[in-house]
Amino acid sequence: MPFFPRKKTGRSANPAHIRELAAMKVIITEHARKRLRDLRQDKISISDIISAASGIPGRIPTATRFRGFVAKPGRVFDIVAKDIPDGRLVITIIGK
C-alpha cells in the first residue's frame, strides 16, 4: 500500500482558540431541567448534559439538534443547543 503524506491545510492549532472552547459556559434552560424529571429522560444527569454540550466543536449560530449522546448509565439522548454571548445554551433534552 503506498504512503501518501498528509496534506497540510495551513491551519495551526491556536492555543487561545482551544482555551476559549474549553472554558465555554454551558447554560441549561428551565425547560430542559424540567424535562429531566420526565420518565423518558430518566437517568440523564446535569453532568451528562454539560459534557455533551461542551463536547460539540465549533460555533452554533442557530438552534440545532445534536443526536446520539450517551449518558453514564447508558441512556441515549439528543440535545438542542445554540451559542449565545454568555456561552452555550441547552434548550431541551430528548431522551430515547
Protein backbone atom coordinates (compact mmCIF):
# COMPACT_ATOMS: atom_id res chain seq x y z
CA MET A 1 0.00 0.00 0.00
CA PRO A 2 1.57 3.34 -1.00
CA PHE A 3 2.22 6.05 1.57
CA PHE A 4 0.70 9.44 0.89
CA PRO A 5 1.83 12.30 3.12
CA ARG A 6 -0.94 14.18 4.89
CA LYS A 7 -1.94 17.34 3.06
CA LYS A 8 -1.27 20.46 5.11
CA THR A 9 -4.30 22.69 5.48
CA GLY A 10 -2.37 25.79 6.53
CA ARG A 11 -4.25 25.94 9.84
CA SER A 12 -2.31 25.55 13.04
CA ALA A 13 -3.68 24.79 16.46
CA ASN A 14 -4.29 28.13 18.13
CA PRO A 15 -3.99 27.65 21.92
CA ALA A 16 -6.13 30.75 22.61
CA HIS A 17 -8.96 29.32 20.50
CA ILE A 18 -8.70 25.94 22.25
CA ARG A 19 -8.85 27.61 25.68
CA GLU A 20 -11.91 29.60 24.58
CA LEU A 21 -13.77 26.43 23.60
CA ALA A 22 -12.72 24.57 26.74
CA ALA A 23 -13.83 27.42 29.00
CA MET A 24 -17.24 27.85 27.34
CA LYS A 25 -20.00 28.16 29.90
CA VAL A 26 -22.95 25.77 29.44
CA ILE A 27 -26.35 27.22 30.37
CA ILE A 28 -29.28 24.80 30.81
CA THR A 29 -32.76 26.30 30.45
CA GLU A 30 -35.53 25.71 32.97
CA HIS A 31 -37.43 23.84 30.25
CA ALA A 32 -34.53 21.40 29.87
CA ARG A 33 -34.25 20.97 33.65
CA LYS A 34 -37.98 20.26 33.86
CA ARG A 35 -37.73 17.63 31.11
CA LEU A 36 -35.05 15.79 33.12
CA ARG A 37 -37.78 14.82 35.58
CA ASP A 38 -39.81 13.06 32.85
CA LEU A 39 -39.66 9.27 32.57
CA ARG A 40 -38.24 9.44 29.05
CA GLN A 41 -35.21 11.42 30.25
CA ASP A 42 -34.70 9.21 33.32
CA LYS A 43 -31.05 8.57 34.31
CA ILE A 44 -29.71 11.60 32.38
CA SER A 45 -27.83 13.92 34.73
CA ILE A 46 -26.77 17.54 34.53
CA SER A 47 -23.13 16.45 34.22
CA ASP A 48 -24.04 14.29 31.19
CA ILE A 49 -25.64 17.32 29.53
CA ILE A 50 -22.70 19.60 30.31
CA SER A 51 -20.15 17.13 28.95
CA ALA A 52 -22.26 16.56 25.80
CA ALA A 53 -22.78 20.28 25.15
CA SER A 54 -19.16 21.20 25.77
CA GLY A 55 -18.01 18.36 23.51
CA ILE A 56 -19.70 19.84 20.43
CA PRO A 57 -16.97 21.53 18.37
CA GLY A 58 -17.26 24.93 16.70
CA ARG A 59 -19.91 27.61 16.95
CA ILE A 60 -23.68 27.02 16.79
CA PRO A 61 -25.32 30.22 15.49
CA THR A 62 -28.88 28.79 15.32
CA ALA A 63 -30.69 26.26 17.49
CA THR A 64 -29.60 22.84 16.25
CA ARG A 65 -30.42 19.29 17.32
CA PHE A 66 -27.44 17.07 18.05
CA ARG A 67 -28.13 13.34 18.23
CA GLY A 68 -26.64 10.26 19.78
CA PHE A 69 -25.15 11.29 23.13
CA VAL A 70 -24.92 8.57 25.77
CA ALA A 71 -25.34 9.25 29.49
CA LYS A 72 -23.17 7.41 32.03
CA PRO A 73 -25.97 4.90 32.85
CA GLY A 74 -26.31 4.14 29.12
CA ARG A 75 -29.39 6.22 28.20
CA VAL A 76 -29.14 7.71 24.69
CA PHE A 77 -30.29 11.31 24.31
CA ASP A 78 -30.31 14.28 21.95
CA ILE A 79 -29.84 17.93 22.84
CA VAL A 80 -30.93 21.14 21.16
CA ALA A 81 -28.31 23.84 21.67
CA LYS A 82 -27.34 27.30 20.49
CA ASP A 83 -24.41 29.61 21.18
CA ILE A 84 -25.20 32.94 22.81
CA PRO A 85 -22.79 35.65 24.01
CA ASP A 86 -22.82 34.22 27.56
CA GLY A 87 -21.98 30.66 26.48
CA ARG A 88 -23.69 27.59 25.04
CA LEU A 89 -27.43 27.43 25.72
CA VAL A 90 -29.00 23.96 26.02
CA ILE A 91 -32.63 24.48 25.06
CA THR A 92 -34.01 20.98 25.52
CA ILE A 93 -33.13 17.32 26.02
CA ILE A 94 -34.80 14.47 24.16
CA GLY A 95 -34.36 11.01 25.69
CA LYS A 96 -34.57 7.88 23.53
